[in-house]
C-alpha cells in the first residue's frame, strides 16, 4: 500500500500520518523530516532548502524531488506513506515516473479538507518548547502555567513559520501550487476526501474505515 496524504498546512496531516503508519505498518516518509535531517547534517541540498523553509515558501522542485526519490529508493519496504510530497503537479509527475521504473504506483490519495480561517487559528495559536519540543495552543492546549512548558519550565515560543504573515503565505502557496494536485490525482480515481475540521479521533476513524474497505476490494 502506497499512500499520499494531502491537505493544507495545519490540517492535521502529521497526526494522521502517525495513526496510519502505526495501524497499517507503513514507512513514514516525511519531506519535512527529511529536509530537516539534511539541514542538520549540513548537506548541500539542506543548505539550499533552508532559506525557503524559513520563509514558508515551497522548496524548489529539483531539490525536493532529488531528496524524496532517493529516500524512496533507499526505503526497506515498498509500503509507505508520503507526507508533504509531492507538493506540485510537476513533482507528482516525476514521482510517478520514478515509481513506474520500479513497477510501483500510488494506490490511494487521502485529502484532508479544511477552511483557511480554521487553519490560521490553529497555526498562529501554537506555541512550542525550545528545549523538549512539546507543542501547546493558546486556546485548545494550554500549559499548566501560562507561557511555560509543563515538562521543563522553559519559556514557550512561537515558531517563525507559525506567525500570521508566514501562515498566510503558506496558505496562498498551497492554493496556488499544491491544491491542483487534488485534481491531478482525482483524474486517476485515487482521491478520497475527509473533513479535517473535526477531532483527530473522528478523522482517524473515518480514514481507517475507508482504508479498510479499500484494502479488502
N, C-alpha and C. Protein backbone atom coordinates (compact mmCIF):
# COMPACT_ATOMS: atom_id res chain seq x y z
N UNK A 1 0.86 -1.20 0.00
CA UNK A 1 0.00 0.00 0.00
C UNK A 1 0.89 1.24 0.00
N UNK A 2 0.71 2.08 -1.02
CA UNK A 2 1.48 3.32 -1.14
C UNK A 2 0.50 4.49 -1.15
N UNK A 3 0.66 5.39 -0.16
CA UNK A 3 -0.32 6.44 0.09
C UNK A 3 0.33 7.82 0.03
N UNK A 4 -0.40 8.78 -0.53
CA UNK A 4 -0.04 10.19 -0.47
C UNK A 4 -1.09 10.89 0.39
N UNK A 5 -0.64 11.68 1.36
CA UNK A 5 -1.55 12.43 2.23
C UNK A 5 -1.47 13.91 1.86
N UNK A 6 -2.62 14.48 1.46
CA UNK A 6 -2.68 15.88 1.06
C UNK A 6 -3.54 16.68 2.03
N UNK A 7 -3.31 17.99 2.05
CA UNK A 7 -4.08 18.88 2.90
C UNK A 7 -3.30 20.15 3.16
N UNK A 8 -4.01 21.22 3.47
CA UNK A 8 -3.35 22.50 3.73
C UNK A 8 -2.48 22.42 4.97
N UNK A 9 -1.52 23.33 5.12
CA UNK A 9 -0.75 23.40 6.36
C UNK A 9 -1.71 23.54 7.54
N UNK A 10 -1.49 22.79 8.60
CA UNK A 10 -2.36 22.88 9.77
C UNK A 10 -3.61 22.03 9.70
N UNK A 11 -3.75 21.22 8.65
CA UNK A 11 -4.94 20.38 8.50
C UNK A 11 -4.88 19.15 9.40
N UNK A 12 -3.72 18.87 9.97
CA UNK A 12 -3.59 17.71 10.85
C UNK A 12 -2.92 16.52 10.20
N UNK A 13 -2.18 16.77 9.14
CA UNK A 13 -1.53 15.66 8.42
C UNK A 13 -0.54 14.90 9.31
N UNK A 14 0.22 15.63 10.13
CA UNK A 14 1.21 14.98 10.97
C UNK A 14 0.59 13.97 11.92
N UNK A 15 -0.50 14.36 12.55
CA UNK A 15 -1.19 13.48 13.49
C UNK A 15 -1.73 12.25 12.79
N UNK A 16 -2.38 12.45 11.65
CA UNK A 16 -2.97 11.33 10.93
C UNK A 16 -1.92 10.43 10.30
N UNK A 17 -0.78 11.00 9.94
CA UNK A 17 0.32 10.17 9.43
C UNK A 17 0.72 9.13 10.47
N UNK A 18 0.90 9.59 11.70
CA UNK A 18 1.30 8.68 12.78
C UNK A 18 0.26 7.59 12.97
N UNK A 19 -1.02 7.97 12.91
CA UNK A 19 -2.08 6.99 13.09
C UNK A 19 -2.06 5.93 11.99
N UNK A 20 -1.94 6.38 10.75
CA UNK A 20 -1.99 5.48 9.59
C UNK A 20 -0.78 4.56 9.58
N UNK A 21 0.39 5.13 9.82
CA UNK A 21 1.63 4.35 9.82
C UNK A 21 1.58 3.25 10.87
N UNK A 22 1.10 3.61 12.08
CA UNK A 22 1.02 2.62 13.16
C UNK A 22 -0.01 1.53 12.87
N UNK A 23 -1.13 1.92 12.29
CA UNK A 23 -2.22 0.97 12.04
C UNK A 23 -1.89 -0.03 10.93
N UNK A 24 -1.22 0.45 9.87
CA UNK A 24 -1.02 -0.39 8.70
C UNK A 24 0.44 -0.80 8.47
N UNK A 25 1.31 -0.43 9.40
CA UNK A 25 2.70 -0.86 9.29
C UNK A 25 3.44 -0.26 8.10
N UNK A 26 3.14 1.00 7.79
CA UNK A 26 3.77 1.65 6.65
C UNK A 26 5.01 2.43 7.07
N UNK A 27 5.90 2.67 6.12
CA UNK A 27 7.06 3.52 6.36
C UNK A 27 6.63 4.96 6.14
N UNK A 28 6.90 5.83 7.12
CA UNK A 28 6.53 7.24 7.03
C UNK A 28 7.67 8.02 6.40
N UNK A 29 7.46 8.51 5.19
CA UNK A 29 8.45 9.33 4.50
C UNK A 29 7.96 10.77 4.48
N UNK A 30 8.46 11.57 5.43
CA UNK A 30 8.05 12.96 5.56
C UNK A 30 9.07 13.88 4.92
N UNK A 31 8.61 14.69 3.97
CA UNK A 31 9.54 15.61 3.31
C UNK A 31 10.11 16.59 4.33
N UNK A 32 9.28 17.01 5.30
CA UNK A 32 9.76 17.93 6.33
C UNK A 32 10.86 17.31 7.16
N UNK A 33 10.67 16.06 7.59
CA UNK A 33 11.68 15.37 8.40
C UNK A 33 12.97 15.18 7.61
N UNK A 34 12.82 14.80 6.35
CA UNK A 34 13.99 14.56 5.51
C UNK A 34 14.74 15.86 5.25
N UNK A 35 13.99 16.93 5.00
CA UNK A 35 14.63 18.23 4.80
C UNK A 35 15.36 18.70 6.05
N UNK A 36 14.71 18.53 7.20
CA UNK A 36 15.35 18.95 8.46
C UNK A 36 16.62 18.13 8.73
N UNK A 37 16.58 16.85 8.40
CA UNK A 37 17.75 16.00 8.58
C UNK A 37 18.89 16.46 7.68
N UNK A 38 18.53 16.84 6.45
CA UNK A 38 19.55 17.34 5.51
C UNK A 38 20.14 18.65 6.03
N UNK A 39 19.27 19.51 6.58
CA UNK A 39 19.76 20.77 7.14
C UNK A 39 20.68 20.52 8.32
N UNK A 40 20.27 19.62 9.22
CA UNK A 40 21.07 19.34 10.41
C UNK A 40 22.43 18.75 10.03
N UNK A 41 22.44 17.97 8.96
CA UNK A 41 23.69 17.34 8.51
C UNK A 41 24.55 18.32 7.72
N UNK A 42 23.98 19.48 7.38
CA UNK A 42 24.74 20.48 6.65
C UNK A 42 25.05 20.10 5.22
N UNK A 43 24.17 19.27 4.62
CA UNK A 43 24.41 18.88 3.23
C UNK A 43 24.13 20.05 2.29
N UNK A 44 24.60 19.92 1.08
CA UNK A 44 24.40 20.98 0.10
C UNK A 44 22.91 21.21 -0.16
N UNK A 45 22.16 20.13 -0.30
CA UNK A 45 20.73 20.25 -0.54
C UNK A 45 20.03 20.88 0.66
N UNK A 46 20.45 20.49 1.87
CA UNK A 46 19.84 21.04 3.08
C UNK A 46 20.07 22.53 3.21
N UNK A 47 21.27 22.98 2.88
CA UNK A 47 21.59 24.40 2.96
C UNK A 47 20.77 25.20 1.96
N UNK A 48 20.62 24.67 0.77
CA UNK A 48 19.83 25.35 -0.25
C UNK A 48 18.36 25.47 0.16
N UNK A 49 17.87 24.42 0.82
CA UNK A 49 16.45 24.39 1.19
C UNK A 49 16.12 25.30 2.36
N UNK A 50 17.09 25.60 3.20
CA UNK A 50 16.83 26.29 4.46
C UNK A 50 16.14 27.64 4.30
N UNK A 51 16.62 28.46 3.39
CA UNK A 51 16.04 29.79 3.24
C UNK A 51 14.58 29.73 2.81
N UNK A 52 14.24 28.75 1.97
CA UNK A 52 12.86 28.61 1.53
C UNK A 52 11.97 28.16 2.69
N UNK A 53 12.43 27.22 3.48
CA UNK A 53 11.64 26.70 4.58
C UNK A 53 11.38 27.77 5.64
N UNK A 54 12.39 28.57 5.92
CA UNK A 54 12.26 29.59 6.97
C UNK A 54 11.24 30.67 6.60
N UNK A 55 11.05 30.91 5.32
CA UNK A 55 10.12 31.95 4.89
C UNK A 55 8.73 31.40 4.61
N UNK A 56 8.57 30.07 4.70
CA UNK A 56 7.26 29.46 4.44
C UNK A 56 7.02 29.16 2.98
N UNK A 57 8.02 29.42 2.13
CA UNK A 57 7.87 29.14 0.69
C UNK A 57 8.17 27.67 0.41
N UNK A 58 7.71 27.20 -0.73
CA UNK A 58 7.99 25.82 -1.12
C UNK A 58 9.45 25.69 -1.56
N UNK A 59 10.05 24.59 -1.18
CA UNK A 59 11.39 24.29 -1.66
C UNK A 59 11.30 23.97 -3.15
N UNK A 60 12.22 24.49 -3.99
CA UNK A 60 12.16 24.23 -5.44
C UNK A 60 12.07 22.76 -5.78
N UNK A 61 11.36 22.47 -6.84
CA UNK A 61 11.10 21.09 -7.24
C UNK A 61 12.37 20.24 -7.35
N UNK A 62 13.40 20.78 -7.98
CA UNK A 62 14.58 19.95 -8.23
C UNK A 62 15.23 19.47 -6.94
N UNK A 63 15.14 20.27 -5.87
CA UNK A 63 15.72 19.88 -4.59
C UNK A 63 14.87 18.81 -3.91
N UNK A 64 13.58 19.06 -3.79
CA UNK A 64 12.71 18.13 -3.08
C UNK A 64 12.56 16.81 -3.84
N UNK A 65 12.50 16.87 -5.16
CA UNK A 65 12.37 15.64 -5.96
C UNK A 65 13.58 14.74 -5.74
N UNK A 66 14.78 15.34 -5.77
CA UNK A 66 16.00 14.56 -5.57
C UNK A 66 16.02 13.92 -4.19
N UNK A 67 15.67 14.71 -3.17
CA UNK A 67 15.66 14.18 -1.80
C UNK A 67 14.69 13.02 -1.65
N UNK A 68 13.45 13.22 -2.13
CA UNK A 68 12.41 12.25 -1.87
C UNK A 68 12.56 10.98 -2.72
N UNK A 69 12.94 11.12 -3.96
CA UNK A 69 13.12 9.92 -4.79
C UNK A 69 14.26 9.06 -4.25
N UNK A 70 15.30 9.71 -3.72
CA UNK A 70 16.41 8.95 -3.13
C UNK A 70 15.94 8.25 -1.86
N UNK A 71 15.11 8.94 -1.06
CA UNK A 71 14.60 8.33 0.17
C UNK A 71 13.73 7.12 -0.14
N UNK A 72 12.91 7.22 -1.18
CA UNK A 72 12.05 6.10 -1.58
C UNK A 72 12.90 4.92 -2.05
N UNK A 73 13.94 5.21 -2.82
CA UNK A 73 14.82 4.14 -3.33
C UNK A 73 15.53 3.42 -2.20
N UNK A 74 15.88 4.18 -1.14
CA UNK A 74 16.60 3.59 -0.01
C UNK A 74 15.67 2.89 0.98
N UNK A 75 14.36 3.10 0.82
CA UNK A 75 13.39 2.54 1.78
C UNK A 75 13.45 1.01 1.78
N UNK A 76 13.43 0.40 2.96
CA UNK A 76 13.48 -1.06 3.04
C UNK A 76 12.17 -1.74 2.66
N UNK A 77 11.10 -0.94 2.57
CA UNK A 77 9.79 -1.51 2.27
C UNK A 77 9.13 -0.75 1.12
N UNK A 78 8.34 -1.46 0.34
CA UNK A 78 7.61 -0.84 -0.76
C UNK A 78 6.28 -0.27 -0.30
N UNK A 79 5.95 -0.49 0.99
CA UNK A 79 4.71 0.04 1.56
C UNK A 79 5.05 1.30 2.34
N UNK A 80 4.57 2.44 1.87
CA UNK A 80 4.94 3.70 2.53
C UNK A 80 3.83 4.73 2.44
N UNK A 81 3.97 5.76 3.28
CA UNK A 81 3.07 6.90 3.25
C UNK A 81 3.93 8.15 3.02
N UNK A 82 3.59 8.92 1.99
CA UNK A 82 4.32 10.14 1.67
C UNK A 82 3.61 11.33 2.32
N UNK A 83 4.35 12.09 3.10
CA UNK A 83 3.82 13.22 3.85
C UNK A 83 4.57 14.49 3.42
N UNK A 84 3.85 15.42 2.78
CA UNK A 84 4.48 16.65 2.33
C UNK A 84 5.10 16.56 0.96
N UNK A 85 4.94 15.46 0.30
CA UNK A 85 5.45 15.24 -1.06
C UNK A 85 4.55 14.24 -1.75
N UNK A 86 4.20 14.49 -3.00
CA UNK A 86 4.52 15.68 -3.81
C UNK A 86 3.69 16.90 -3.40
N UNK A 87 4.21 18.09 -3.74
CA UNK A 87 3.51 19.34 -3.45
C UNK A 87 3.15 20.12 -4.70
N UNK A 88 3.59 19.67 -5.85
CA UNK A 88 3.22 20.30 -7.12
C UNK A 88 2.91 19.19 -8.12
N UNK A 89 2.20 19.54 -9.17
CA UNK A 89 1.88 18.56 -10.21
C UNK A 89 3.17 18.04 -10.84
N UNK A 90 4.13 18.93 -11.03
CA UNK A 90 5.40 18.51 -11.61
C UNK A 90 6.07 17.46 -10.73
N UNK A 91 6.04 17.67 -9.42
CA UNK A 91 6.61 16.68 -8.52
C UNK A 91 5.87 15.34 -8.62
N UNK A 92 4.56 15.42 -8.76
CA UNK A 92 3.75 14.20 -8.87
C UNK A 92 4.09 13.42 -10.13
N UNK A 93 4.29 14.16 -11.22
CA UNK A 93 4.65 13.51 -12.49
C UNK A 93 6.01 12.84 -12.37
N UNK A 94 6.97 13.55 -11.76
CA UNK A 94 8.31 12.98 -11.57
C UNK A 94 8.25 11.76 -10.66
N UNK A 95 7.43 11.84 -9.62
CA UNK A 95 7.27 10.71 -8.71
C UNK A 95 6.70 9.50 -9.43
N UNK A 96 5.66 9.73 -10.23
CA UNK A 96 5.02 8.64 -10.96
C UNK A 96 6.02 7.95 -11.89
N UNK A 97 6.84 8.74 -12.55
CA UNK A 97 7.84 8.17 -13.46
C UNK A 97 8.88 7.35 -12.70
N UNK A 98 9.29 7.88 -11.53
CA UNK A 98 10.27 7.16 -10.71
C UNK A 98 9.70 5.84 -10.19
N UNK A 99 8.45 5.87 -9.73
CA UNK A 99 7.82 4.65 -9.22
C UNK A 99 7.60 3.64 -10.34
N UNK A 100 7.19 4.13 -11.51
CA UNK A 100 6.93 3.24 -12.63
C UNK A 100 8.19 2.47 -13.02
N UNK A 101 9.34 3.11 -12.85
CA UNK A 101 10.61 2.45 -13.16
C UNK A 101 10.86 1.26 -12.26
N UNK A 102 10.20 1.24 -11.10
CA UNK A 102 10.31 0.11 -10.17
C UNK A 102 9.00 -0.69 -10.09
N UNK A 103 8.17 -0.50 -11.11
CA UNK A 103 6.89 -1.21 -11.22
C UNK A 103 6.00 -0.96 -10.00
N UNK A 104 5.96 0.30 -9.57
CA UNK A 104 5.11 0.70 -8.46
C UNK A 104 4.27 1.90 -8.88
N UNK A 105 3.25 2.23 -8.07
CA UNK A 105 2.41 3.39 -8.30
C UNK A 105 1.78 3.81 -6.98
N UNK A 106 1.23 5.04 -6.94
CA UNK A 106 0.49 5.49 -5.77
C UNK A 106 -0.89 4.84 -5.78
N UNK A 107 -1.25 4.20 -4.68
CA UNK A 107 -2.53 3.48 -4.62
C UNK A 107 -3.68 4.38 -4.15
N UNK A 108 -3.44 5.14 -3.08
CA UNK A 108 -4.50 5.97 -2.51
C UNK A 108 -3.98 7.36 -2.17
N UNK A 109 -4.82 8.37 -2.41
CA UNK A 109 -4.50 9.75 -2.04
C UNK A 109 -5.57 10.21 -1.06
N UNK A 110 -5.16 10.52 0.17
CA UNK A 110 -6.08 10.95 1.21
C UNK A 110 -6.00 12.47 1.31
N UNK A 111 -7.13 13.14 1.11
CA UNK A 111 -7.16 14.60 1.05
C UNK A 111 -7.92 15.16 2.25
N UNK A 112 -7.19 15.84 3.15
CA UNK A 112 -7.81 16.45 4.34
C UNK A 112 -8.29 17.85 3.98
N UNK A 113 -9.60 18.06 4.04
CA UNK A 113 -10.20 19.34 3.65
C UNK A 113 -10.53 20.20 4.87
N UNK A 114 -10.15 21.50 4.78
CA UNK A 114 -10.38 22.41 5.91
C UNK A 114 -10.35 23.85 5.42
N UNK A 115 -11.11 24.74 6.07
CA UNK A 115 -11.14 26.15 5.69
C UNK A 115 -9.89 26.88 6.15
N UNK A 116 -9.50 27.90 5.39
CA UNK A 116 -8.31 28.68 5.72
C UNK A 116 -8.41 29.33 7.10
N UNK A 117 -9.60 29.83 7.45
CA UNK A 117 -9.77 30.51 8.73
C UNK A 117 -9.48 29.59 9.90
N UNK A 118 -9.90 28.34 9.81
CA UNK A 118 -9.65 27.36 10.87
C UNK A 118 -8.16 27.07 10.97
N UNK A 119 -7.53 26.93 9.81
CA UNK A 119 -6.09 26.67 9.78
C UNK A 119 -5.32 27.81 10.42
N UNK A 120 -5.67 29.04 10.08
CA UNK A 120 -4.96 30.20 10.61
C UNK A 120 -5.02 30.24 12.14
N UNK A 121 -6.20 29.96 12.70
CA UNK A 121 -6.34 29.96 14.17
C UNK A 121 -5.51 28.84 14.79
N UNK A 122 -5.51 27.69 14.16
CA UNK A 122 -4.74 26.57 14.68
C UNK A 122 -3.25 26.89 14.72
N UNK A 123 -2.74 27.42 13.62
CA UNK A 123 -1.30 27.58 13.48
C UNK A 123 -0.76 28.79 14.23
N UNK A 124 -1.45 29.91 14.15
CA UNK A 124 -0.94 31.11 14.82
C UNK A 124 -1.06 31.00 16.34
N UNK A 125 -1.90 30.08 16.80
CA UNK A 125 -2.06 29.89 18.24
C UNK A 125 -1.12 28.87 18.84
N UNK A 126 -0.33 28.22 18.01
CA UNK A 126 0.60 27.21 18.51
C UNK A 126 1.80 27.85 19.21
N UNK A 127 2.23 27.20 20.28
CA UNK A 127 3.45 27.59 20.97
C UNK A 127 4.25 26.32 21.25
N UNK A 128 5.55 26.41 21.18
CA UNK A 128 6.37 25.22 21.37
C UNK A 128 7.50 25.48 22.36
N UNK A 129 8.00 24.40 22.93
CA UNK A 129 9.09 24.48 23.88
C UNK A 129 10.41 24.36 23.12
N UNK A 130 11.30 25.33 23.26
CA UNK A 130 12.58 25.27 22.54
C UNK A 130 13.52 24.19 23.06
N UNK A 131 13.23 23.65 24.26
CA UNK A 131 14.09 22.62 24.84
C UNK A 131 13.66 21.22 24.48
N UNK A 132 12.38 20.88 24.78
CA UNK A 132 11.93 19.50 24.57
C UNK A 132 11.07 19.32 23.33
N UNK A 133 10.62 20.43 22.73
CA UNK A 133 9.83 20.34 21.51
C UNK A 133 8.34 20.15 21.73
N UNK A 134 7.89 20.13 22.98
CA UNK A 134 6.46 19.98 23.26
C UNK A 134 5.67 21.12 22.62
N UNK A 135 4.47 20.81 22.13
CA UNK A 135 3.66 21.80 21.43
C UNK A 135 2.38 22.07 22.23
N UNK A 136 2.02 23.34 22.33
CA UNK A 136 0.81 23.77 23.05
C UNK A 136 0.00 24.67 22.12
N UNK A 137 -1.17 25.10 22.61
CA UNK A 137 -2.00 26.05 21.87
C UNK A 137 -2.63 27.01 22.87
N UNK A 138 -2.68 28.28 22.48
CA UNK A 138 -3.15 29.31 23.42
C UNK A 138 -4.61 29.15 23.79
N UNK A 139 -5.38 28.39 22.99
CA UNK A 139 -6.80 28.18 23.29
C UNK A 139 -7.13 26.73 23.61
N UNK A 140 -6.58 25.80 22.82
CA UNK A 140 -7.03 24.41 22.89
C UNK A 140 -6.13 23.48 23.69
N UNK A 141 -4.88 23.88 23.92
CA UNK A 141 -3.96 23.01 24.65
C UNK A 141 -3.01 23.88 25.47
N UNK A 142 -3.57 24.49 26.52
CA UNK A 142 -2.81 25.44 27.33
C UNK A 142 -1.88 24.71 28.30
N UNK A 143 -0.70 25.27 28.57
CA UNK A 143 0.17 24.70 29.59
C UNK A 143 -0.40 24.99 30.99
N UNK A 144 0.09 24.29 31.99
CA UNK A 144 -0.41 24.49 33.36
C UNK A 144 -0.11 25.91 33.84
N UNK A 145 1.07 26.40 33.49
CA UNK A 145 1.45 27.78 33.81
C UNK A 145 1.59 28.53 32.49
N UNK A 146 0.84 29.62 32.34
CA UNK A 146 0.82 30.34 31.08
C UNK A 146 2.23 30.71 30.61
N UNK A 147 2.52 30.32 29.38
CA UNK A 147 3.78 30.69 28.76
C UNK A 147 4.96 29.81 29.09
N UNK A 148 4.75 28.78 29.95
CA UNK A 148 5.86 27.93 30.36
C UNK A 148 5.56 26.45 30.06
N UNK A 149 6.58 25.73 29.64
CA UNK A 149 6.43 24.31 29.32
C UNK A 149 6.17 23.49 30.57
N UNK A 150 5.22 22.56 30.49
CA UNK A 150 4.91 21.68 31.61
C UNK A 150 6.09 20.76 31.96
N UNK A 151 6.88 20.42 30.96
CA UNK A 151 7.94 19.43 31.16
C UNK A 151 9.19 19.99 31.83
N UNK A 152 9.62 21.18 31.39
CA UNK A 152 10.89 21.70 31.89
C UNK A 152 10.86 23.17 32.30
N UNK A 153 9.68 23.80 32.22
CA UNK A 153 9.55 25.18 32.65
C UNK A 153 10.14 26.22 31.71
N UNK A 154 10.57 25.77 30.53
CA UNK A 154 11.15 26.70 29.55
C UNK A 154 10.07 27.63 29.01
N UNK A 155 10.47 28.83 28.63
CA UNK A 155 9.51 29.80 28.07
C UNK A 155 9.10 29.37 26.68
N UNK A 156 7.80 29.27 26.46
CA UNK A 156 7.28 28.82 25.17
C UNK A 156 7.46 29.92 24.12
N UNK A 157 7.65 29.48 22.87
CA UNK A 157 7.88 30.43 21.78
C UNK A 157 6.96 30.08 20.61
N UNK A 158 6.75 31.07 19.77
CA UNK A 158 6.02 30.85 18.52
C UNK A 158 7.04 30.61 17.42
N UNK A 159 6.93 29.49 16.74
CA UNK A 159 7.87 29.20 15.67
C UNK A 159 7.74 30.25 14.57
N UNK A 160 8.83 30.59 13.89
CA UNK A 160 8.77 31.60 12.83
C UNK A 160 7.73 31.29 11.75
N UNK A 161 7.55 30.00 11.43
CA UNK A 161 6.60 29.65 10.37
C UNK A 161 5.16 29.59 10.87
N UNK A 162 4.92 29.92 12.15
CA UNK A 162 3.56 29.99 12.67
C UNK A 162 3.07 31.43 12.88
N UNK A 163 3.89 32.41 12.53
CA UNK A 163 3.44 33.80 12.66
C UNK A 163 2.42 34.10 11.55
N UNK A 164 1.49 35.04 11.78
CA UNK A 164 0.39 35.28 10.83
C UNK A 164 0.84 35.52 9.39
N UNK A 165 1.90 36.29 9.20
CA UNK A 165 2.33 36.61 7.83
C UNK A 165 2.80 35.36 7.09
N UNK A 166 3.57 34.52 7.79
CA UNK A 166 4.07 33.31 7.14
C UNK A 166 2.95 32.30 6.91
N UNK A 167 2.01 32.20 7.86
CA UNK A 167 0.87 31.29 7.69
C UNK A 167 0.05 31.70 6.46
N UNK A 168 -0.20 33.00 6.32
CA UNK A 168 -0.95 33.49 5.16
C UNK A 168 -0.22 33.15 3.87
N UNK A 169 1.11 33.29 3.89
CA UNK A 169 1.90 32.99 2.70
C UNK A 169 1.87 31.49 2.39
N UNK A 170 1.94 30.68 3.43
CA UNK A 170 1.90 29.23 3.23
C UNK A 170 0.56 28.79 2.64
N UNK A 171 -0.53 29.38 3.12
CA UNK A 171 -1.85 29.03 2.59
C UNK A 171 -1.99 29.47 1.13
N UNK A 172 -1.50 30.67 0.84
CA UNK A 172 -1.55 31.16 -0.54
C UNK A 172 -0.75 30.23 -1.46
N UNK A 173 0.44 29.86 -1.01
CA UNK A 173 1.28 28.96 -1.79
C UNK A 173 0.60 27.61 -1.99
N UNK A 174 -0.04 27.12 -0.93
CA UNK A 174 -0.74 25.84 -1.01
C UNK A 174 -1.82 25.88 -2.09
N UNK A 175 -2.65 26.92 -2.07
CA UNK A 175 -3.75 27.00 -3.03
C UNK A 175 -3.24 27.15 -4.47
N UNK A 176 -2.16 27.86 -4.63
CA UNK A 176 -1.64 28.10 -5.97
C UNK A 176 -0.91 26.89 -6.55
N UNK A 177 -0.11 26.22 -5.69
CA UNK A 177 0.79 25.21 -6.22
C UNK A 177 0.45 23.77 -5.82
N UNK A 178 -0.13 23.59 -4.65
CA UNK A 178 -0.36 22.23 -4.18
C UNK A 178 -1.78 21.75 -4.41
N UNK A 179 -2.75 22.61 -4.24
CA UNK A 179 -4.15 22.21 -4.40
C UNK A 179 -4.44 21.59 -5.77
N UNK A 180 -3.80 22.07 -6.87
CA UNK A 180 -4.04 21.42 -8.17
C UNK A 180 -3.70 19.92 -8.18
N UNK A 181 -2.90 19.48 -7.22
CA UNK A 181 -2.58 18.05 -7.12
C UNK A 181 -3.83 17.21 -6.92
N UNK A 182 -4.79 17.77 -6.20
CA UNK A 182 -6.02 17.02 -5.93
C UNK A 182 -6.70 16.65 -7.25
N UNK A 183 -6.79 17.61 -8.15
CA UNK A 183 -7.40 17.34 -9.46
C UNK A 183 -6.55 16.37 -10.27
N UNK A 184 -5.23 16.51 -10.17
CA UNK A 184 -4.33 15.61 -10.89
C UNK A 184 -4.58 14.16 -10.47
N UNK A 185 -4.63 13.93 -9.18
CA UNK A 185 -4.85 12.57 -8.69
C UNK A 185 -6.30 12.12 -8.84
N UNK A 186 -7.23 13.09 -8.78
CA UNK A 186 -8.64 12.73 -8.92
C UNK A 186 -8.90 12.15 -10.31
N UNK A 187 -8.17 12.62 -11.30
CA UNK A 187 -8.31 12.09 -12.65
C UNK A 187 -7.91 10.63 -12.72
N UNK A 188 -7.09 10.19 -11.76
CA UNK A 188 -6.68 8.79 -11.71
C UNK A 188 -7.61 7.94 -10.84
N UNK A 189 -8.60 8.61 -10.24
CA UNK A 189 -9.56 7.89 -9.40
C UNK A 189 -9.00 7.40 -8.09
N UNK A 190 -7.97 8.10 -7.58
CA UNK A 190 -7.31 7.64 -6.36
C UNK A 190 -7.55 8.55 -5.16
N UNK A 191 -8.35 9.63 -5.29
CA UNK A 191 -8.52 10.61 -4.22
C UNK A 191 -9.73 10.29 -3.34
N UNK A 192 -9.51 10.38 -2.02
CA UNK A 192 -10.58 10.19 -1.05
C UNK A 192 -10.54 11.38 -0.09
N UNK A 193 -11.66 12.11 0.00
CA UNK A 193 -11.73 13.35 0.78
C UNK A 193 -12.21 13.08 2.21
N UNK A 194 -11.63 13.86 3.16
CA UNK A 194 -12.02 13.75 4.56
C UNK A 194 -12.15 15.14 5.16
N UNK A 195 -13.20 15.35 5.94
CA UNK A 195 -13.42 16.62 6.63
C UNK A 195 -12.43 16.71 7.79
N UNK A 196 -11.49 17.67 7.73
CA UNK A 196 -10.45 17.79 8.75
C UNK A 196 -10.82 18.76 9.86
N UNK A 197 -12.01 19.35 9.79
CA UNK A 197 -12.45 20.26 10.84
C UNK A 197 -13.23 19.47 11.89
N UNK A 198 -12.61 18.43 12.39
CA UNK A 198 -13.18 17.57 13.42
C UNK A 198 -12.07 17.18 14.38
N UNK A 199 -12.41 16.43 15.40
CA UNK A 199 -11.38 15.98 16.33
C UNK A 199 -10.46 14.98 15.62
N UNK A 200 -9.19 14.90 16.05
CA UNK A 200 -8.28 13.92 15.45
C UNK A 200 -8.81 12.49 15.48
N UNK A 201 -9.50 12.13 16.56
CA UNK A 201 -10.03 10.77 16.67
C UNK A 201 -11.11 10.50 15.63
N UNK A 202 -11.95 11.51 15.37
CA UNK A 202 -13.01 11.34 14.37
C UNK A 202 -12.41 11.22 12.97
N UNK A 203 -11.41 12.02 12.71
CA UNK A 203 -10.74 11.95 11.40
C UNK A 203 -10.08 10.59 11.23
N UNK A 204 -9.38 10.15 12.27
CA UNK A 204 -8.70 8.86 12.22
C UNK A 204 -9.69 7.73 11.94
N UNK A 205 -10.82 7.75 12.61
CA UNK A 205 -11.80 6.68 12.44
C UNK A 205 -12.32 6.63 11.00
N UNK A 206 -12.58 7.79 10.42
CA UNK A 206 -13.10 7.82 9.05
C UNK A 206 -12.05 7.37 8.04
N UNK A 207 -10.78 7.71 8.31
CA UNK A 207 -9.69 7.27 7.41
C UNK A 207 -9.52 5.75 7.50
N UNK A 208 -9.51 5.21 8.71
CA UNK A 208 -9.36 3.77 8.88
C UNK A 208 -10.50 3.01 8.22
N UNK A 209 -11.71 3.54 8.38
CA UNK A 209 -12.88 2.87 7.78
C UNK A 209 -12.73 2.79 6.26
N UNK A 210 -12.30 3.89 5.67
CA UNK A 210 -12.14 3.93 4.21
C UNK A 210 -11.00 3.01 3.76
N UNK A 211 -9.86 3.09 4.43
CA UNK A 211 -8.72 2.28 4.02
C UNK A 211 -9.00 0.79 4.21
N UNK A 212 -9.68 0.43 5.29
CA UNK A 212 -10.03 -0.98 5.50
C UNK A 212 -10.89 -1.49 4.35
N UNK A 213 -11.83 -0.66 3.92
CA UNK A 213 -12.71 -1.05 2.81
C UNK A 213 -11.93 -1.15 1.50
N UNK A 214 -11.00 -0.23 1.28
CA UNK A 214 -10.23 -0.24 0.04
C UNK A 214 -9.29 -1.43 -0.04
N UNK A 215 -8.69 -1.76 1.10
CA UNK A 215 -7.76 -2.88 1.11
C UNK A 215 -8.47 -4.20 0.83
N UNK A 216 -9.73 -4.30 1.26
CA UNK A 216 -10.49 -5.54 1.06
C UNK A 216 -10.95 -5.73 -0.38
N UNK A 217 -11.05 -4.59 -1.14
CA UNK A 217 -11.55 -4.71 -2.51
C UNK A 217 -10.48 -5.18 -3.47
